[in-house]
């Protein structure tokens, strides 16, 4: 019998994860059965269950994989001195995340934004998935906090704002952009990049204070 290579095992695992992601994005988590996944990936039950015990493990693996790649990218940026500017950094990481899944399409539109919305919905009833998401976002937030500290130390960003506040805001901008893509259709990451560039480049005027209120 021919020896199964690690490359083959990794490719099969990738095939299953991508097929499951398409099913979840297309029909939602609860409306998707394991039979739907088997049909999508064109594999036997034994071949799929060798890797994943069921839908819960599949969606957990998809979420963990995405969050790990995002966290690693921001941790790498945090080690640079100074880190890349926020607009360039966000566009690079989000662009890489979307590009890695660009082959996943539902009804002619990228599946990833729809999948994100499905995951958020599922966390309302699935405490294990909610814990996984909280832990993953916590790691990303911590990395962003270190990035902000790098900005402040280098004079790129004002130092009178808590790094965690900026970190939460940057994450919120990305999540909101993904939600918009799910609701209103695809948009290039340059849209988010340019918006952040305009906002972070604003300077206070000489009017003696805010005109709001």
C-alpha atoms as a PDB file:
ATOM      1  CA  UNK A   1       0.000   0.000   0.000  1.00  0.00           C
ATOM      2  CA  UNK A   2       1.342   3.423  -0.925  1.00  0.00           C
ATOM      3  CA  UNK A   3       2.303   5.603   2.016  1.00  0.00           C
ATOM      4  CA  UNK A   4      -0.004   8.567   2.523  1.00  0.00           C
ATOM      5  CA  UNK A   5       2.069  11.736   2.582  1.00  0.00           C
ATOM      6  CA  UNK A   6       1.552  14.649   4.951  1.00  0.00           C
ATOM      7  CA  UNK A   7       0.908  16.831   1.910  1.00  0.00           C
ATOM      8  CA  UNK A   8      -1.986  14.567   0.940  1.00  0.00           C
ATOM      9  CA  UNK A   9      -3.416  14.659   4.462  1.00  0.00           C
ATOM     10  CA  UNK A  10      -3.125  18.448   4.594  1.00  0.00           C
ATOM     11  CA  UNK A  11      -4.755  18.810   1.179  1.00  0.00           C
ATOM     12  CA  UNK A  12      -7.640  16.553   2.198  1.00  0.00           C
ATOM     13  CA  UNK A  13      -8.156  18.505   5.420  1.00  0.00           C
ATOM     14  CA  UNK A  14      -8.149  21.739   3.413  1.00  0.00           C
ATOM     15  CA  UNK A  15     -10.697  20.285   1.004  1.00  0.00           C
ATOM     16  CA  UNK A  16     -13.036  19.385   3.864  1.00  0.00           C
ATOM     17  CA  UNK A  17     -12.699  22.743   5.619  1.00  0.00           C
ATOM     18  CA  UNK A  18     -13.318  24.701   2.427  1.00  0.00           C
ATOM     19  CA  UNK A  19     -16.323  22.572   1.523  1.00  0.00           C
ATOM     20  CA  UNK A  20     -17.815  22.972   4.983  1.00  0.00           C
ATOM     21  CA  UNK A  21     -17.197  26.730   4.882  1.00  0.00           C
ATOM     22  CA  UNK A  22     -19.118  26.951   1.612  1.00  0.00           C
ATOM     23  CA  UNK A  23     -22.030  24.978   3.058  1.00  0.00           C
ATOM     24  CA  UNK A  24     -22.188  27.097   6.218  1.00  0.00           C
ATOM     25  CA  UNK A  25     -21.960  30.350   4.234  1.00  0.00           C
ATOM     26  CA  UNK A  26     -24.629  29.215   1.776  1.00  0.00           C
ATOM     27  CA  UNK A  27     -27.226  27.724   4.120  1.00  0.00           C
ATOM     28  CA  UNK A  28     -26.268  28.618   7.653  1.00  0.00           C
ATOM     29  CA  UNK A  29     -24.916  26.346  10.341  1.00  0.00           C
ATOM     30  CA  UNK A  30     -28.161  24.709  11.466  1.00  0.00           C
ATOM     31  CA  UNK A  31     -29.564  24.149   7.989  1.00  0.00           C
ATOM     32  CA  UNK A  32     -26.349  22.370   6.969  1.00  0.00           C
ATOM     33  CA  UNK A  33     -26.041  18.658   7.691  1.00  0.00           C
ATOM     34  CA  UNK A  34     -22.947  16.520   7.576  1.00  0.00           C
ATOM     35  CA  UNK A  35     -24.504  14.884   4.520  1.00  0.00           C
ATOM     36  CA  UNK A  36     -24.423  18.293   2.836  1.00  0.00           C
ATOM     37  CA  UNK A  37     -20.728  18.579   3.639  1.00  0.00           C
ATOM     38  CA  UNK A  38     -20.018  15.065   2.330  1.00  0.00           C
ATOM     39  CA  UNK A  39     -21.810  15.913  -0.910  1.00  0.00           C
ATOM     40  CA  UNK A  40     -19.947  19.220  -1.261  1.00  0.00           C
ATOM     41  CA  UNK A  41     -16.493  17.674  -0.851  1.00  0.00           C
ATOM     42  CA  UNK A  42     -17.431  14.437  -2.685  1.00  0.00           C
ATOM     43  CA  UNK A  43     -15.930  12.213  -0.003  1.00  0.00           C
ATOM     44  CA  UNK A  44     -17.154   9.266   2.035  1.00  0.00           C
ATOM     45  CA  UNK A  45     -18.264   9.659   5.620  1.00  0.00           C
ATOM     46  CA  UNK A  46     -15.212   7.697   6.781  1.00  0.00           C
ATOM     47  CA  UNK A  47     -12.849  10.016   4.930  1.00  0.00           C
ATOM     48  CA  UNK A  48     -14.371  13.112   6.533  1.00  0.00           C
ATOM     49  CA  UNK A  49     -14.843  11.712  10.043  1.00  0.00           C
ATOM     50  CA  UNK A  50     -11.188  10.737  10.040  1.00  0.00           C
ATOM     51  CA  UNK A  51     -10.468  14.457  10.397  1.00  0.00           C
ATOM     52  CA  UNK A  52     -13.527  15.949  12.079  1.00  0.00           C
ATOM     53  CA  UNK A  53     -16.124  14.465  14.409  1.00  0.00           C
ATOM     54  CA  UNK A  54     -18.973  16.660  13.195  1.00  0.00           C
ATOM     55  CA  UNK A  55     -20.222  20.165  12.432  1.00  0.00           C
ATOM     56  CA  UNK A  56     -19.160  21.632  15.772  1.00  0.00           C
ATOM     57  CA  UNK A  57     -15.560  20.593  15.250  1.00  0.00           C
ATOM     58  CA  UNK A  58     -15.607  21.782  11.648  1.00  0.00           C
ATOM     59  CA  UNK A  59     -16.777  25.282  12.443  1.00  0.00           C
ATOM     60  CA  UNK A  60     -14.387  25.483  15.391  1.00  0.00           C
ATOM     61  CA  UNK A  61     -11.482  24.560  13.121  1.00  0.00           C
ATOM     62  CA  UNK A  62     -12.498  27.154  10.530  1.00  0.00           C
ATOM     63  CA  UNK A  63     -12.717  29.892  13.160  1.00  0.00           C
ATOM     64  CA  UNK A  64      -9.462  28.923  14.877  1.00  0.00           C
ATOM     65  CA  UNK A  65      -7.565  28.811  11.587  1.00  0.00           C
ATOM     66  CA  UNK A  66      -8.719  32.291  10.588  1.00  0.00           C
ATOM     67  CA  UNK A  67      -8.055  33.874  13.963  1.00  0.00           C
ATOM     68  CA  UNK A  68      -4.625  32.248  14.237  1.00  0.00           C
ATOM     69  CA  UNK A  69      -3.522  33.625  10.874  1.00  0.00           C
ATOM     70  CA  UNK A  70      -4.773  37.126  11.753  1.00  0.00           C
ATOM     71  CA  UNK A  71      -3.138  37.029  15.185  1.00  0.00           C
ATOM     72  CA  UNK A  72       0.192  35.899  13.763  1.00  0.00           C
ATOM     73  CA  UNK A  73       0.152  38.730  11.220  1.00  0.00           C
ATOM     74  CA  UNK A  74      -0.470  41.382  13.858  1.00  0.00           C
ATOM     75  CA  UNK A  75       2.059  39.876  16.269  1.00  0.00           C
ATOM     76  CA  UNK A  76       4.640  40.034  13.492  1.00  0.00           C
ATOM     77  CA  UNK A  77       3.785  43.697  12.951  1.00  0.00           C
ATOM     78  CA  UNK A  78       4.059  44.367  16.693  1.00  0.00           C
ATOM     79  CA  UNK A  79       7.682  43.182  16.612  1.00  0.00           C
ATOM     80  CA  UNK A  80       8.616  45.843  14.050  1.00  0.00           C
ATOM     81  CA  UNK A  81       9.894  49.202  15.214  1.00  0.00           C
ATOM     82  CA  UNK A  82       7.931  51.175  14.360  1.00  0.00           C
ATOM     83  CA  UNK A  83       5.026  49.038  13.151  1.00  0.00           C
ATOM     84  CA  UNK A  84       3.548  49.713   9.700  1.00  0.00           C
ATOM     85  CA  UNK A  85       0.969  52.544   9.646  1.00  0.00           C
ATOM     86  CA  UNK A  86      -2.532  51.393  10.637  1.00  0.00           C
ATOM     87  CA  UNK A  87      -4.105  51.899   7.210  1.00  0.00           C
ATOM     88  CA  UNK A  88      -1.417  49.872   5.439  1.00  0.00           C
ATOM     89  CA  UNK A  89      -1.352  47.188   8.130  1.00  0.00           C
ATOM     90  CA  UNK A  90      -5.116  46.631   8.183  1.00  0.00           C
ATOM     91  CA  UNK A  91      -5.317  46.514   4.396  1.00  0.00           C
ATOM     92  CA  UNK A  92      -2.436  44.041   4.168  1.00  0.00           C
ATOM     93  CA  UNK A  93      -3.790  41.632   6.794  1.00  0.00           C
ATOM     94  CA  UNK A  94      -7.409  41.791   5.644  1.00  0.00           C
ATOM     95  CA  UNK A  95      -6.348  41.524   2.016  1.00  0.00           C
ATOM     96  CA  UNK A  96      -4.296  38.424   2.804  1.00  0.00           C
ATOM     97  CA  UNK A  97      -7.186  36.886   4.756  1.00  0.00           C
ATOM     98  CA  UNK A  98      -9.659  37.452   1.942  1.00  0.00           C
ATOM     99  CA  UNK A  99      -7.225  36.350  -0.768  1.00  0.00           C
ATOM    100  CA  UNK A 100      -6.637  33.032   1.010  1.00  0.00           C
ATOM    101  CA  UNK A 101     -10.357  32.321   0.625  1.00  0.00           C
ATOM    102  CA  UNK A 102     -11.084  33.987  -2.707  1.00  0.00           C
ATOM    103  CA  UNK A 103     -11.861  30.637  -4.337  1.00  0.00           C
ATOM    104  CA  UNK A 104     -14.833  30.191  -1.987  1.00  0.00           C
ATOM    105  CA  UNK A 105     -17.809  31.762  -3.749  1.00  0.00           C
ATOM    106  CA  UNK A 106     -21.552  31.568  -3.108  1.00  0.00           C
ATOM    107  CA  UNK A 107     -24.001  32.939  -5.678  1.00  0.00           C
ATOM    108  CA  UNK A 108     -21.146  34.721  -7.431  1.00  0.00           C
ATOM    109  CA  UNK A 109     -20.031  36.568  -4.288  1.00  0.00           C
ATOM    110  CA  UNK A 110     -17.212  35.869  -1.803  1.00  0.00           C
ATOM    111  CA  UNK A 111     -18.327  33.372   0.824  1.00  0.00           C
ATOM    112  CA  UNK A 112     -16.047  34.540   3.633  1.00  0.00           C
ATOM    113  CA  UNK A 113     -18.041  37.636   4.741  1.00  0.00           C
ATOM    114  CA  UNK A 114     -21.232  35.579   4.819  1.00  0.00           C
ATOM    115  CA  UNK A 115     -19.455  32.905   6.823  1.00  0.00           C
ATOM    116  CA  UNK A 116     -18.328  35.479   9.388  1.00  0.00           C
ATOM    117  CA  UNK A 117     -21.929  36.557   9.946  1.00  0.00           C
ATOM    118  CA  UNK A 118     -22.993  32.927  10.354  1.00  0.00           C
ATOM    119  CA  UNK A 119     -20.270  32.401  12.959  1.00  0.00           C
ATOM    120  CA  UNK A 120     -21.333  35.461  14.936  1.00  0.00           C
ATOM    121  CA  UNK A 121     -24.928  34.223  14.936  1.00  0.00           C
ATOM    122  CA  UNK A 122     -23.896  30.769  16.081  1.00  0.00           C
ATOM    123  CA  UNK A 123     -21.999  32.168  19.080  1.00  0.00           C
ATOM    124  CA  UNK A 124     -25.323  33.316  20.547  1.00  0.00           C
ATOM    125  CA  UNK A 125     -26.249  29.694  21.282  1.00  0.00           C
ATOM    126  CA  UNK A 126     -22.901  27.868  21.198  1.00  0.00           C
ATOM    127  CA  UNK A 127     -20.885  28.733  24.292  1.00  0.00           C
ATOM    128  CA  UNK A 128     -17.842  26.728  23.208  1.00  0.00           C
ATOM    129  CA  UNK A 129     -17.651  28.624  19.938  1.00  0.00           C
ATOM    130  CA  UNK A 130     -18.230  31.889  21.801  1.00  0.00           C
ATOM    131  CA  UNK A 131     -15.308  31.068  24.107  1.00  0.00           C
ATOM    132  CA  UNK A 132     -13.109  30.264  21.114  1.00  0.00           C
ATOM    133  CA  UNK A 133     -14.035  33.559  19.477  1.00  0.00           C
ATOM    134  CA  UNK A 134     -13.455  35.541  22.672  1.00  0.00           C
ATOM    135  CA  UNK A 135     -10.056  33.945  23.139  1.00  0.00           C
ATOM    136  CA  UNK A 136      -9.088  34.561  19.520  1.00  0.00           C
ATOM    137  CA  UNK A 137     -10.210  38.165  19.501  1.00  0.00           C
ATOM    138  CA  UNK A 138      -8.490  38.673  22.848  1.00  0.00           C
ATOM    139  CA  UNK A 139      -5.192  37.579  21.309  1.00  0.00           C
ATOM    140  CA  UNK A 140      -5.694  39.851  18.307  1.00  0.00           C
ATOM    141  CA  UNK A 141      -6.612  42.729  20.616  1.00  0.00           C
ATOM    142  CA  UNK A 142      -3.491  42.195  22.703  1.00  0.00           C
ATOM    143  CA  UNK A 143      -1.334  42.212  19.568  1.00  0.00           C
ATOM    144  CA  UNK A 144      -3.004  45.398  18.389  1.00  0.00           C
ATOM    145  CA  UNK A 145      -2.368  46.944  21.797  1.00  0.00           C
ATOM    146  CA  UNK A 146       1.361  46.308  21.385  1.00  0.00           C
ATOM    147  CA  UNK A 147       1.224  47.793  17.901  1.00  0.00           C
ATOM    148  CA  UNK A 148      -0.388  50.948  19.277  1.00  0.00           C
ATOM    149  CA  UNK A 149       2.299  51.168  21.952  1.00  0.00           C
ATOM    150  CA  UNK A 150       4.866  51.039  19.140  1.00  0.00           C
ATOM    151  CA  UNK A 151       3.079  53.901  17.375  1.00  0.00           C
ATOM    152  CA  UNK A 152       3.041  55.947  20.559  1.00  0.00           C
ATOM    153  CA  UNK A 153       6.689  55.305  21.368  1.00  0.00           C
ATOM    154  CA  UNK A 154       7.721  56.374  17.878  1.00  0.00           C
ATOM    155  CA  UNK A 155       5.572  59.502  17.945  1.00  0.00           C
ATOM    156  CA  UNK A 156       3.254  58.245  15.186  1.00  0.00           C
ATOM    157  CA  UNK A 157       0.189  58.362  17.438  1.00  0.00           C
ATOM    158  CA  UNK A 158      -0.860  60.546  20.342  1.00  0.00           C
ATOM    159  CA  UNK A 159       0.057  59.012  23.682  1.00  0.00           C
ATOM    160  CA  UNK A 160      -2.924  60.172  25.752  1.00  0.00           C
ATOM    161  CA  UNK A 161      -5.254  57.402  24.549  1.00  0.00           C
ATOM    162  CA  UNK A 162      -5.261  53.896  26.043  1.00  0.00           C
ATOM    163  CA  UNK A 163      -3.775  51.403  23.538  1.00  0.00           C
ATOM    164  CA  UNK A 164      -6.636  48.978  24.166  1.00  0.00           C
ATOM    165  CA  UNK A 165      -9.167  51.624  23.143  1.00  0.00           C
ATOM    166  CA  UNK A 166      -7.426  52.071  19.815  1.00  0.00           C
ATOM    167  CA  UNK A 167      -7.094  48.296  19.437  1.00  0.00           C
ATOM    168  CA  UNK A 168     -10.827  47.782  19.920  1.00  0.00           C
ATOM    169  CA  UNK A 169     -11.598  50.538  17.422  1.00  0.00           C
ATOM    170  CA  UNK A 170      -9.307  49.093  14.754  1.00  0.00           C
ATOM    171  CA  UNK A 171     -10.850  45.636  15.175  1.00  0.00           C
ATOM    172  CA  UNK A 172     -14.330  47.165  15.023  1.00  0.00           C
ATOM    173  CA  UNK A 173     -13.512  48.898  11.735  1.00  0.00           C
ATOM    174  CA  UNK A 174     -12.434  45.606  10.152  1.00  0.00           C
ATOM    175  CA  UNK A 175     -15.426  43.665  11.451  1.00  0.00           C
ATOM    176  CA  UNK A 176     -17.763  46.402  10.270  1.00  0.00           C
ATOM    177  CA  UNK A 177     -16.170  46.366   6.827  1.00  0.00           C
ATOM    178  CA  UNK A 178     -16.648  42.601   6.603  1.00  0.00           C
ATOM    179  CA  UNK A 179     -20.279  42.957   7.695  1.00  0.00           C
ATOM    180  CA  UNK A 180     -20.836  45.577   4.984  1.00  0.00           C
ATOM    181  CA  UNK A 181     -19.474  43.188   2.371  1.00  0.00           C
ATOM    182  CA  UNK A 182     -21.907  40.527   3.510  1.00  0.00           C
ATOM    183  CA  UNK A 183     -24.838  42.953   3.355  1.00  0.00           C
ATOM    184  CA  UNK A 184     -23.982  45.158   0.395  1.00  0.00           C
ATOM    185  CA  UNK A 185     -21.552  43.167  -1.728  1.00  0.00           C
ATOM    186  CA  UNK A 186     -17.794  42.981  -2.260  1.00  0.00           C
ATOM    187  CA  UNK A 187     -15.554  46.024  -1.907  1.00  0.00           C
ATOM    188  CA  UNK A 188     -11.770  46.185  -2.291  1.00  0.00           C
ATOM    189  CA  UNK A 189      -9.698  46.513   0.879  1.00  0.00           C
ATOM    190  CA  UNK A 190      -8.402  49.804  -0.533  1.00  0.00           C
ATOM    191  CA  UNK A 191     -11.749  51.321   0.485  1.00  0.00           C
ATOM    192  CA  UNK A 192     -11.042  50.593   4.149  1.00  0.00           C
ATOM    193  CA  UNK A 193      -7.384  51.544   3.762  1.00  0.00           C
ATOM    194  CA  UNK A 194      -8.205  54.934   2.276  1.00  0.00           C
ATOM    195  CA  UNK A 195     -10.884  55.654   4.859  1.00  0.00           C
ATOM    196  CA  UNK A 196      -8.524  54.871   7.734  1.00  0.00           C
ATOM    197  CA  UNK A 197      -5.788  56.916   6.092  1.00  0.00           C
ATOM    198  CA  UNK A 198      -8.069  59.933   5.877  1.00  0.00           C
ATOM    199  CA  UNK A 199      -9.276  59.585   9.459  1.00  0.00           C
ATOM    200  CA  UNK A 200      -5.894  58.937  11.057  1.00  0.00           C
ATOM    201  CA  UNK A 201      -4.395  61.834   9.096  1.00  0.00           C
ATOM    202  CA  UNK A 202      -6.874  64.393  10.456  1.00  0.00           C
ATOM    203  CA  UNK A 203      -5.550  67.280  12.475  1.00  0.00           C
ATOM    204  CA  UNK A 204      -7.375  69.587  14.854  1.00  0.00           C
ATOM    205  CA  UNK A 205      -8.307  73.006  13.503  1.00  0.00           C
ATOM    206  CA  UNK A 206      -7.783  76.445  15.041  1.00  0.00           C
ATOM    207  CA  UNK A 207     -11.415  76.967  15.997  1.00  0.00           C
ATOM    208  CA  UNK A 208     -10.779  76.768  19.707  1.00  0.00           C
ATOM    209  CA  UNK A 209     -12.665  73.568  20.311  1.00  0.00           C
ATOM    210  CA  UNK A 210     -15.143  71.132  18.936  1.00  0.00           C
ATOM    211  CA  UNK A 211     -18.137  72.419  17.012  1.00  0.00           C
ATOM    212  CA  UNK A 212     -20.241  69.377  17.991  1.00  0.00           C
ATOM    213  CA  UNK A 213     -23.053  69.814  20.460  1.00  0.00           C
END
